[in-house]
C-alpha atoms as a PDB file:
ATOM      1  CA  MET A   1      92.834  21.457  36.684  1.00  0.00           C
ATOM      2  CA  VAL A   2      90.216  23.491  34.902  1.00  0.00           C
ATOM      3  CA  ARG A   3      89.595  26.840  36.567  1.00  0.00           C
ATOM      4  CA  GLY A   4      86.774  29.336  36.438  1.00  0.00           C
ATOM      5  CA  ILE A   5      83.458  28.658  34.741  1.00  0.00           C
ATOM      6  CA  GLY A   6      84.791  27.454  31.374  1.00  0.00           C
ATOM      7  CA  MET A   7      83.945  23.753  31.428  1.00  0.00           C
ATOM      8  CA  GLU A   8      84.321  21.351  28.556  1.00  0.00           C
ATOM      9  CA  LYS A   9      81.089  20.081  27.048  1.00  0.00           C
ATOM     10  CA  GLY A  10      80.420  16.373  26.829  1.00  0.00           C
ATOM     11  CA  ASN A  11      82.032  15.629  30.193  1.00  0.00           C
ATOM     12  CA  ILE A  12      81.110  14.807  33.775  1.00  0.00           C
ATOM     13  CA  PHE A  13      83.186  16.204  36.647  1.00  0.00           C
ATOM     14  CA  THR A  14      83.304  15.983  40.412  1.00  0.00           C
ATOM     15  CA  THR A  15      84.119  19.074  42.426  1.00  0.00           C
ATOM     16  CA  GLU A  16      84.584  20.081  46.050  1.00  0.00           C
ATOM     17  CA  PHE A  17      83.124  23.052  47.873  1.00  0.00           C
ATOM     18  CA  ILE A  18      83.551  24.124  51.487  1.00  0.00           C
ATOM     19  CA  ASP A  19      79.827  23.715  52.114  1.00  0.00           C
ATOM     20  CA  ASP A  20      76.429  23.751  50.411  1.00  0.00           C
ATOM     21  CA  HIS A  21      76.272  27.551  50.601  1.00  0.00           C
ATOM     22  CA  ALA A  22      79.420  27.824  48.467  1.00  0.00           C
ATOM     23  CA  THR A  23      77.976  25.374  45.958  1.00  0.00           C
ATOM     24  CA  LEU A  24      74.773  27.368  45.599  1.00  0.00           C
ATOM     25  CA  ALA A  25      76.685  30.652  45.437  1.00  0.00           C
ATOM     26  CA  TRP A  26      78.648  29.315  42.491  1.00  0.00           C
ATOM     27  CA  ILE A  27      75.457  28.106  40.774  1.00  0.00           C
ATOM     28  CA  ASP A  28      73.844  31.509  41.251  1.00  0.00           C
ATOM     29  CA  LYS A  29      76.867  33.283  39.797  1.00  0.00           C
ATOM     30  CA  HIS A  30      77.066  30.905  36.859  1.00  0.00           C
ATOM     31  CA  SER A  31      73.339  31.173  36.121  1.00  0.00           C
ATOM     32  CA  HIS A  32      73.731  34.914  35.546  1.00  0.00           C
ATOM     33  CA  SER A  33      76.898  34.695  33.488  1.00  0.00           C
ATOM     34  CA  THR A  34      75.631  32.327  30.807  1.00  0.00           C
ATOM     35  CA  ASN A  35      72.666  31.813  28.503  1.00  0.00           C
ATOM     36  CA  GLU A  36      72.898  28.064  28.930  1.00  0.00           C
ATOM     37  CA  HIS A  37      70.179  26.026  30.545  1.00  0.00           C
ATOM     38  CA  ILE A  38      70.976  24.951  34.114  1.00  0.00           C
ATOM     39  CA  LEU A  39      69.424  21.850  35.639  1.00  0.00           C
ATOM     40  CA  LEU A  40      69.897  21.491  39.409  1.00  0.00           C
ATOM     41  CA  LEU A  41      69.013  18.416  41.455  1.00  0.00           C
ATOM     42  CA  SER A  42      69.256  19.479  45.074  1.00  0.00           C
ATOM     43  CA  ARG A  43      68.615  18.094  48.553  1.00  0.00           C
ATOM     44  CA  LEU A  44      66.967  21.427  49.381  1.00  0.00           C
ATOM     45  CA  PRO A  45      63.295  22.232  48.631  1.00  0.00           C
ATOM     46  CA  HIS A  46      62.531  25.234  46.460  1.00  0.00           C
ATOM     47  CA  ARG A  47      61.603  27.444  49.422  1.00  0.00           C
ATOM     48  CA  ARG A  48      65.124  26.939  50.778  1.00  0.00           C
ATOM     49  CA  LEU A  49      66.814  27.359  47.407  1.00  0.00           C
ATOM     50  CA  LEU A  50      65.168  30.779  47.112  1.00  0.00           C
ATOM     51  CA  GLU A  51      67.465  31.942  49.905  1.00  0.00           C
ATOM     52  CA  HIS A  52      70.531  31.273  47.785  1.00  0.00           C
ATOM     53  CA  ILE A  53      69.778  31.343  44.053  1.00  0.00           C
ATOM     54  CA  ASP A  54      67.542  33.053  41.547  1.00  0.00           C
ATOM     55  CA  ILE A  55      65.078  30.217  41.026  1.00  0.00           C
ATOM     56  CA  ASN A  56      63.870  31.831  37.790  1.00  0.00           C
ATOM     57  CA  ALA A  57      67.299  31.301  36.235  1.00  0.00           C
ATOM     58  CA  VAL A  58      67.658  27.646  37.223  1.00  0.00           C
ATOM     59  CA  GLU A  59      65.468  24.589  36.573  1.00  0.00           C
ATOM     60  CA  ALA A  60      65.575  22.981  40.006  1.00  0.00           C
ATOM     61  CA  TYR A  61      64.293  19.664  41.313  1.00  0.00           C
ATOM     62  CA  TRP A  62      64.064  18.652  44.957  1.00  0.00           C
ATOM     63  CA  LEU A  63      65.721  15.280  45.531  1.00  0.00           C
ATOM     64  CA  THR A  64      63.325  13.720  48.042  1.00  0.00           C
ATOM     65  CA  GLU A  65      61.193  10.706  48.861  1.00  0.00           C
ATOM     66  CA  ARG A  66      58.180  13.016  49.032  1.00  0.00           C
ATOM     67  CA  VAL A  67      55.944  13.124  45.981  1.00  0.00           C
ATOM     68  CA  THR A  68      55.356  16.781  45.198  1.00  0.00           C
ATOM     69  CA  ASP A  69      55.616  19.229  42.320  1.00  0.00           C
ATOM     70  CA  GLY A  70      59.187  19.899  41.270  1.00  0.00           C
ATOM     71  CA  SER A  71      60.619  16.840  42.982  1.00  0.00           C
ATOM     72  CA  VAL A  72      62.398  13.667  41.887  1.00  0.00           C
ATOM     73  CA  ARG A  73      62.838  10.575  44.014  1.00  0.00           C
ATOM     74  CA  PRO A  74      66.397   9.447  44.895  1.00  0.00           C
ATOM     75  CA  ASN A  75      65.982   6.589  42.472  1.00  0.00           C
ATOM     76  CA  LEU A  76      68.953   6.198  40.129  1.00  0.00           C
ATOM     77  CA  ASP A  77      66.809   5.261  37.133  1.00  0.00           C
ATOM     78  CA  GLU A  78      64.474   8.213  37.632  1.00  0.00           C
ATOM     79  CA  ILE A  79      67.370  10.642  38.034  1.00  0.00           C
ATOM     80  CA  LEU A  80      69.078   9.207  34.967  1.00  0.00           C
ATOM     81  CA  ASP A  81      65.890   9.486  32.926  1.00  0.00           C
ATOM     82  CA  LEU A  82      65.401  13.126  33.942  1.00  0.00           C
ATOM     83  CA  ILE A  83      68.964  14.066  33.046  1.00  0.00           C
ATOM     84  CA  LYS A  84      69.001  12.152  29.748  1.00  0.00           C
ATOM     85  CA  ARG A  85      65.808  13.911  28.609  1.00  0.00           C
ATOM     86  CA  HIS A  86      67.654  17.203  28.982  1.00  0.00           C
ATOM     87  CA  LEU A  87      70.841  16.022  27.300  1.00  0.00           C
ATOM     88  CA  ASN A  88      68.945  15.471  24.070  1.00  0.00           C
ATOM     89  CA  HIS A  89      67.971  19.124  23.795  1.00  0.00           C
ATOM     90  CA  HIS A  90      69.828  22.422  23.620  1.00  0.00           C
ATOM     91  CA  MET A  91      72.981  22.876  25.718  1.00  0.00           C
ATOM     92  CA  GLY A  92      73.734  23.535  29.339  1.00  0.00           C
ATOM     93  CA  LEU A  93      74.885  22.425  32.770  1.00  0.00           C
ATOM     94  CA  VAL A  94      73.617  19.720  35.121  1.00  0.00           C
ATOM     95  CA  VAL A  95      74.482  19.986  38.833  1.00  0.00           C
ATOM     96  CA  LEU A  96      73.728  16.849  40.813  1.00  0.00           C
ATOM     97  CA  GLU A  97      73.924  17.202  44.587  1.00  0.00           C
ATOM     98  CA  GLY A  98      73.469  14.513  47.206  1.00  0.00           C
ATOM     99  CA  LEU A  99      75.851  11.840  45.936  1.00  0.00           C
ATOM    100  CA  GLU A 100      76.616  10.843  49.530  1.00  0.00           C
ATOM    101  CA  TRP A 101      72.924  10.154  50.117  1.00  0.00           C
ATOM    102  CA  LEU A 102      72.632   8.162  46.905  1.00  0.00           C
ATOM    103  CA  VAL A 103      75.534   5.941  47.992  1.00  0.00           C
ATOM    104  CA  THR A 104      73.846   5.209  51.324  1.00  0.00           C
ATOM    105  CA  GLN A 105      70.601   4.440  49.487  1.00  0.00           C
ATOM    106  CA  HIS A 106      71.932   2.300  46.644  1.00  0.00           C
ATOM    107  CA  GLY A 107      75.473   1.226  47.494  1.00  0.00           C
ATOM    108  CA  GLU A 108      78.841   2.125  46.014  1.00  0.00           C
ATOM    109  CA  ASP A 109      78.747  -0.238  43.016  1.00  0.00           C
ATOM    110  CA  ASN A 110      75.329   0.905  41.832  1.00  0.00           C
ATOM    111  CA  VAL A 111      76.216   4.585  42.146  1.00  0.00           C
ATOM    112  CA  LEU A 112      79.503   4.052  40.323  1.00  0.00           C
ATOM    113  CA  SER A 113      77.626   2.321  37.508  1.00  0.00           C
ATOM    114  CA  PHE A 114      75.160   5.226  37.506  1.00  0.00           C
ATOM    115  CA  VAL A 115      77.991   7.770  37.152  1.00  0.00           C
ATOM    116  CA  ARG A 116      79.537   5.690  34.376  1.00  0.00           C
ATOM    117  CA  THR A 117      76.218   5.740  32.513  1.00  0.00           C
ATOM    118  CA  LEU A 118      76.026   9.508  32.943  1.00  0.00           C
ATOM    119  CA  ARG A 119      79.526   9.833  31.498  1.00  0.00           C
ATOM    120  CA  GLU A 120      78.531   7.785  28.451  1.00  0.00           C
ATOM    121  CA  SER A 121      75.241   9.675  28.058  1.00  0.00           C
ATOM    122  CA  VAL A 122      76.791  13.154  28.119  1.00  0.00           C
ATOM    123  CA  HIS A 123      79.614  12.220  25.727  1.00  0.00           C
ATOM    124  CA  ARG A 124      79.488  14.384  22.577  1.00  0.00           C
ATOM    125  CA  LYS A 125      76.504  16.305  23.955  1.00  0.00           C
ATOM    126  CA  GLN A 126      76.495  20.066  24.457  1.00  0.00           C
ATOM    127  CA  TRP A 127      76.155  19.628  28.200  1.00  0.00           C
ATOM    128  CA  THR A 128      78.425  19.414  31.234  1.00  0.00           C
ATOM    129  CA  ILE A 129      77.561  17.474  34.392  1.00  0.00           C
ATOM    130  CA  VAL A 130      79.040  18.605  37.720  1.00  0.00           C
ATOM    131  CA  VAL A 131      78.729  16.528  40.901  1.00  0.00           C
ATOM    132  CA  PRO A 132      79.668  18.408  44.113  1.00  0.00           C
ATOM    133  CA  LEU A 133      80.851  16.070  46.868  1.00  0.00           C
ATOM    134  CA  ARG A 134      82.599  15.827  50.224  1.00  0.00           C
ATOM    135  CA  PRO A 135      85.591  13.477  49.826  1.00  0.00           C
ATOM    136  CA  LEU A 136      85.693  12.460  53.496  1.00  0.00           C
ATOM    137  CA  ALA A 137      82.237  10.922  53.153  1.00  0.00           C
ATOM    138  CA  PHE A 138      83.548   8.193  50.854  1.00  0.00           C
ATOM    139  CA  ASP A 139      85.948   5.278  51.030  1.00  0.00           C
ATOM    140  CA  SER A 140      89.260   6.423  49.520  1.00  0.00           C
ATOM    141  CA  VAL A 141      89.538   3.457  47.136  1.00  0.00           C
ATOM    142  CA  TRP A 142      85.996   3.930  45.874  1.00  0.00           C
ATOM    143  CA  LEU A 143      86.562   7.689  45.555  1.00  0.00           C
ATOM    144  CA  ALA A 144      89.580   7.029  43.322  1.00  0.00           C
ATOM    145  CA  ARG A 145      87.405   4.836  41.102  1.00  0.00           C
ATOM    146  CA  LEU A 146      84.744   7.541  40.977  1.00  0.00           C
ATOM    147  CA  ARG A 147      87.268  10.161  39.919  1.00  0.00           C
ATOM    148  CA  ARG A 148      88.385   7.995  37.025  1.00  0.00           C
ATOM    149  CA  GLU A 149      84.827   8.245  35.722  1.00  0.00           C
ATOM    150  CA  ALA A 150      84.334  11.877  36.728  1.00  0.00           C
ATOM    151  CA  PRO A 151      87.631  13.801  37.058  1.00  0.00           C
ATOM    152  CA  VAL A 152      88.014  16.572  39.599  1.00  0.00           C
ATOM    153  CA  ILE A 153      87.372  20.103  38.378  1.00  0.00           C
ATOM    154  CA  HIS A 154      88.241  23.226  40.386  1.00  0.00           C
ATOM    155  CA  LEU A 155      85.435  25.764  40.277  1.00  0.00           C
ATOM    156  CA  ASP A 156      86.382  29.264  41.343  1.00  0.00           C
ATOM    157  CA  GLU A 157      84.864  29.581  44.796  1.00  0.00           C
ATOM    158  CA  GLN A 158      86.316  33.052  45.253  1.00  0.00           C
ATOM    159  CA  GLY A 159      84.585  34.205  42.115  1.00  0.00           C
ATOM    160  CA  ALA A 160      81.371  32.534  43.191  1.00  0.00           C
ATOM    161  CA  THR A 161      81.251  34.496  46.435  1.00  0.00           C
ATOM    162  CA  GLU A 162      82.958  37.677  45.283  1.00  0.00           C
ATOM    163  CA  VAL A 163      81.731  40.715  47.151  1.00  0.00           C
ATOM    164  CA  VAL A 164      83.498  43.496  45.231  1.00  0.00           C
ATOM    165  CA  GLU A 165      82.213  44.882  41.949  1.00  0.00           C
ATOM    166  CA  LYS A 166      84.408  47.066  39.714  1.00  0.00           C
ATOM    167  CA  THR A 167      82.918  50.370  38.651  1.00  0.00           C
ATOM    168  CA  GLU A 168      83.607  52.134  35.384  1.00  0.00           C
ATOM    169  CA  GLY A 169      86.298  54.188  37.062  1.00  0.00           C
ATOM    170  CA  ASN A 170      89.030  53.119  39.421  1.00  0.00           C
ATOM    171  CA  GLU A 171      86.706  52.938  42.393  1.00  0.00           C
ATOM    172  CA  THR A 172      85.193  49.801  43.821  1.00  0.00           C
ATOM    173  CA  LEU A 173      81.853  49.288  45.436  1.00  0.00           C
ATOM    174  CA  ASP A 174      81.526  46.774  48.242  1.00  0.00           C
ATOM    175  CA  VAL A 175      78.468  44.620  47.838  1.00  0.00           C
ATOM    176  CA  PRO A 176      76.887  44.582  51.291  1.00  0.00           C
ATOM    177  CA  THR A 177      77.151  41.241  53.026  1.00  0.00           C
ATOM    178  CA  ASP A 178      75.491  42.334  56.237  1.00  0.00           C
ATOM    179  CA  THR A 179      72.653  39.845  56.048  1.00  0.00           C
ATOM    180  CA  PRO A 180      73.400  37.337  58.819  1.00  0.00           C
ATOM    181  CA  ALA A 181      73.690  33.685  57.868  1.00  0.00           C
ATOM    182  CA  GLU A 182      71.127  32.885  60.555  1.00  0.00           C
ATOM    183  CA  PHE A 183      68.441  35.381  61.532  1.00  0.00           C
ATOM    184  CA  ASP A 184      66.936  36.060  64.896  1.00  0.00           C
ATOM    185  CA  ILE A 185      63.562  34.349  64.772  1.00  0.00           C
ATOM    186  CA  LEU A 186      60.382  36.027  65.979  1.00  0.00           C
ATOM    187  CA  ASP A 187      57.690  34.294  68.017  1.00  0.00           C
ATOM    188  CA  ASP A 188      55.723  33.409  64.879  1.00  0.00           C
ATOM    189  CA  GLY A 189      58.770  31.724  63.321  1.00  0.00           C
ATOM    190  CA  SER A 190      59.508  34.449  60.762  1.00  0.00           C
ATOM    191  CA  PRO A 191      62.982  36.043  60.453  1.00  0.00           C
ATOM    192  CA  LYS A 192      63.492  39.351  62.220  1.00  0.00           C
ATOM    193  CA  LEU A 193      63.881  42.177  59.718  1.00  0.00           C
ATOM    194  CA  ILE A 194      67.075  44.242  59.823  1.00  0.00           C
ATOM    195  CA  HIS A 195      68.323  47.355  58.056  1.00  0.00           C
ATOM    196  CA  LEU A 196      70.854  46.689  55.302  1.00  0.00           C
ATOM    197  CA  THR A 197      73.441  49.164  54.050  1.00  0.00           C
ATOM    198  CA  ARG A 198      71.996  51.575  51.489  1.00  0.00           C
ATOM    199  CA  LEU A 199      73.274  51.020  47.955  1.00  0.00           C
ATOM    200  CA  PRO A 200      74.589  54.203  46.290  1.00  0.00           C
ATOM    201  CA  LYS A 201      73.901  54.969  42.643  1.00  0.00           C
ATOM    202  CA  ILE A 202      77.624  55.119  41.850  1.00  0.00           C
ATOM    203  CA  GLY A 203      78.804  51.622  41.043  1.00  0.00           C
ATOM    204  CA  PHE A 204      75.291  50.152  41.048  1.00  0.00           C
ATOM    205  CA  SER A 205      75.077  47.082  38.808  1.00  0.00           C
ATOM    206  CA  LYS A 206      72.794  44.165  37.987  1.00  0.00           C
ATOM    207  CA  SER A 207      75.074  41.847  39.947  1.00  0.00           C
ATOM    208  CA  ILE A 208      74.793  44.006  43.057  1.00  0.00           C
ATOM    209  CA  LEU A 209      71.033  44.295  42.599  1.00  0.00           C
ATOM    210  CA  ARG A 210      70.722  40.527  42.304  1.00  0.00           C
ATOM    211  CA  LYS A 211      72.604  40.019  45.581  1.00  0.00           C
ATOM    212  CA  ARG A 212      70.419  42.582  47.350  1.00  0.00           C
ATOM    213  CA  ILE A 213      67.225  40.909  46.103  1.00  0.00           C
ATOM    214  CA  LEU A 214      68.464  37.602  47.527  1.00  0.00           C
ATOM    215  CA  GLN A 215      69.263  39.294  50.855  1.00  0.00           C
ATOM    216  CA  TRP A 216      65.729  40.652  51.058  1.00  0.00           C
ATOM    217  CA  ARG A 217      64.249  37.297  50.133  1.00  0.00           C
ATOM    218  CA  ARG A 218      66.190  35.643  52.954  1.00  0.00           C
ATOM    219  CA  MET A 219      64.343  37.946  55.343  1.00  0.00           C
ATOM    220  CA  GLY A 220      61.032  36.718  53.942  1.00  0.00           C
ATOM    221  CA  LEU A 221      60.209  39.922  52.054  1.00  0.00           C
ATOM    222  CA  ASP A 222      58.203  39.878  48.842  1.00  0.00           C
ATOM    223  CA  VAL A 223      60.311  42.159  46.637  1.00  0.00           C
ATOM    224  CA  SER A 224      58.879  41.069  43.291  1.00  0.00           C
ATOM    225  CA  GLU A 225      58.219  44.757  42.586  1.00  0.00           C
ATOM    226  CA  VAL A 226      61.948  45.378  42.080  1.00  0.00           C
ATOM    227  CA  GLU A 227      62.625  42.367  39.843  1.00  0.00           C
ATOM    228  CA  PRO A 228      61.787  44.233  36.570  1.00  0.00           C
ATOM    229  CA  ALA A 229      64.813  46.447  37.353  1.00  0.00           C
ATOM    230  CA  MET A 230      66.999  43.550  36.209  1.00  0.00           C
ATOM    231  CA  SER A 231      65.991  44.349  32.621  1.00  0.00           C
ATOM    232  CA  LEU A 232      65.970  48.158  32.868  1.00  0.00           C
ATOM    233  CA  GLN A 233      68.799  50.438  31.728  1.00  0.00           C
ATOM    234  CA  ASP A 234      69.962  54.079  31.816  1.00  0.00           C
ATOM    235  CA  GLY A 235      69.448  54.604  35.517  1.00  0.00           C
ATOM    236  CA  GLU A 236      65.845  53.398  35.506  1.00  0.00           C
ATOM    237  CA  ASP A 237      66.991  50.230  37.264  1.00  0.00           C
ATOM    238  CA  TYR A 238      68.370  52.237  40.176  1.00  0.00           C
ATOM    239  CA  GLN A 239      65.282  54.460  40.318  1.00  0.00           C
ATOM    240  CA  LEU A 240      63.050  51.416  40.781  1.00  0.00           C
ATOM    241  CA  TYR A 241      65.497  49.911  43.277  1.00  0.00           C
ATOM    242  CA  ALA A 242      65.513  53.122  45.337  1.00  0.00           C
ATOM    243  CA  VAL A 243      61.706  53.104  45.566  1.00  0.00           C
ATOM    244  CA  VAL A 244      61.652  49.534  46.857  1.00  0.00           C
ATOM    245  CA  GLU A 245      64.588  50.177  49.195  1.00  0.00           C
ATOM    246  CA  GLU A 246      62.584  52.909  50.917  1.00  0.00           C
ATOM    247  CA  LYS A 247      59.624  50.569  51.268  1.00  0.00           C
ATOM    248  CA  VAL A 248      61.853  47.925  52.815  1.00  0.00           C
ATOM    249  CA  ARG A 249      63.360  50.387  55.269  1.00  0.00           C
ATOM    250  CA  MET A 250      59.867  51.505  56.255  1.00  0.00           C
ATOM    251  CA  ALA A 251      58.861  47.856  56.706  1.00  0.00           C
ATOM    252  CA  VAL A 252      61.868  47.215  58.958  1.00  0.00           C
ATOM    253  CA  ASP A 253      61.007  50.211  61.140  1.00  0.00           C
ATOM    254  CA  ILE A 254      57.397  49.100  61.538  1.00  0.00           C
ATOM    255  CA  ASP A 255      58.435  45.529  62.265  1.00  0.00           C
ATOM    256  CA  SER A 256      60.901  46.699  64.921  1.00  0.00           C
ATOM    257  CA  TYR A 257      58.218  48.848  66.557  1.00  0.00           C
ATOM    258  CA  LEU A 258      55.794  45.927  66.700  1.00  0.00           C
ATOM    259  CA  GLU A 259      58.438  43.649  68.197  1.00  0.00           C
ATOM    260  CA  MET A 260      59.360  46.150  70.902  1.00  0.00           C
ATOM    261  CA  ASN A 261      55.694  46.710  71.779  1.00  0.00           C
ATOM    262  CA  LYS A 262      54.292  43.257  71.055  1.00  0.00           C
ATOM    263  CA  ASP A 263      52.665  43.022  74.490  1.00  0.00           C
ATOM    264  CA  ASP A 264      50.344  45.868  73.450  1.00  0.00           C
ATOM    265  CA  PHE A 265      48.901  43.928  70.507  1.00  0.00           C
ATOM    266  CA  SER A 266      46.851  40.787  70.166  1.00  0.00           C
ATOM    267  CA  ALA A 267      48.394  37.757  68.480  1.00  0.00           C
ATOM    268  CA  SER A 268      46.028  38.088  65.524  1.00  0.00           C
ATOM    269  CA  GLU A 269      46.853  41.779  65.034  1.00  0.00           C
ATOM    270  CA  LEU A 270      50.586  41.040  65.137  1.00  0.00           C
ATOM    271  CA  ALA A 271      50.232  38.191  62.642  1.00  0.00           C
ATOM    272  CA  ALA A 272      48.179  40.305  60.231  1.00  0.00           C
ATOM    273  CA  ALA A 273      50.572  43.254  60.476  1.00  0.00           C
ATOM    274  CA  ARG A 274      53.676  41.113  59.967  1.00  0.00           C
ATOM    275  CA  PHE A 275      52.123  39.474  56.924  1.00  0.00           C
ATOM    276  CA  ARG A 276      51.409  42.877  55.353  1.00  0.00           C
ATOM    277  CA  ILE A 277      54.882  44.104  56.264  1.00  0.00           C
ATOM    278  CA  ARG A 278      56.553  41.191  54.471  1.00  0.00           C
ATOM    279  CA  GLN A 279      54.310  41.751  51.462  1.00  0.00           C
ATOM    280  CA  LEU A 280      55.301  45.454  51.541  1.00  0.00           C
ATOM    281  CA  THR A 281      51.632  46.464  51.508  1.00  0.00           C
ATOM    282  CA  GLY A 282      49.788  48.974  53.656  1.00  0.00           C
ATOM    283  CA  LEU A 283      53.022  50.511  54.913  1.00  0.00           C
ATOM    284  CA  ASP A 284      51.816  54.119  54.791  1.00  0.00           C
ATOM    285  CA  GLU A 285      48.674  53.159  56.684  1.00  0.00           C
ATOM    286  CA  MET A 286      50.654  51.342  59.384  1.00  0.00           C
ATOM    287  CA  THR A 287      53.163  54.189  59.654  1.00  0.00           C
ATOM    288  CA  SER A 288      50.345  56.648  60.302  1.00  0.00           C
ATOM    289  CA  LYS A 289      48.772  54.278  62.818  1.00  0.00           C
ATOM    290  CA  TYR A 290      51.878  53.444  64.825  1.00  0.00           C
ATOM    291  CA  PHE A 291      54.061  56.559  64.503  1.00  0.00           C
ATOM    292  CA  SER A 292      51.585  59.466  64.464  1.00  0.00           C
ATOM    293  CA  PHE A 293      51.339  60.723  68.003  1.00  0.00           C
END
């Protein structure tokens, strides 16, 4: 089997992940370790993908019956047309999720023919196509036929979800993973904000910063202010991160205070305050209002 992220161009592969989160974790890691174009067709809408990947590094389409911007219908011809348009330009990776759904929509024979056409289309192109799947969802005989068209590739799941970054010395820095998979939900449907472990300057890296930005996004915070740090060097990246980290910690404290004392505020005041908190605006004003006694 092929291991790691070195995949032969001009081929289509199937692969297996534990769950969708592992798939997206691998995509996010790969998107920041290559200059190649990445095309993702996902069952998740963009607002959900934001919780798992840097959407600016991946060209993503929502596989859905709904007609909306950034979507493609689960029609084999439309999917094929979208992918083939990309194969004729540049080089990169296509990740096609939802094969199980496509089989239920179009039948095994049609999907197998579709995969065969993809194999022929990508041949001698500077692209790789990867199709994540769950083997137990398919008939074993049909799955064997599928794998003849698209052999199994092992993608390094451990690397995709690695939580330890090497520093320049012999030390290691644990990348905090204290963001819960599922958040406590407030009355208005927004995730409850929580304090995350502070990131020290020693061992700070772009990879760690990227993971922290995703953690904040999962809480519904607008942390676009820190994104330029991804292109800064010589400690300036950490300086900008530290500024935003303090804002986030202030936002969490204010949010916690409002939740504990929500009976003292009107619904409209709570909604307005929580919106500002998640935009990281007006924090000094709210701190003075709520914590100056």
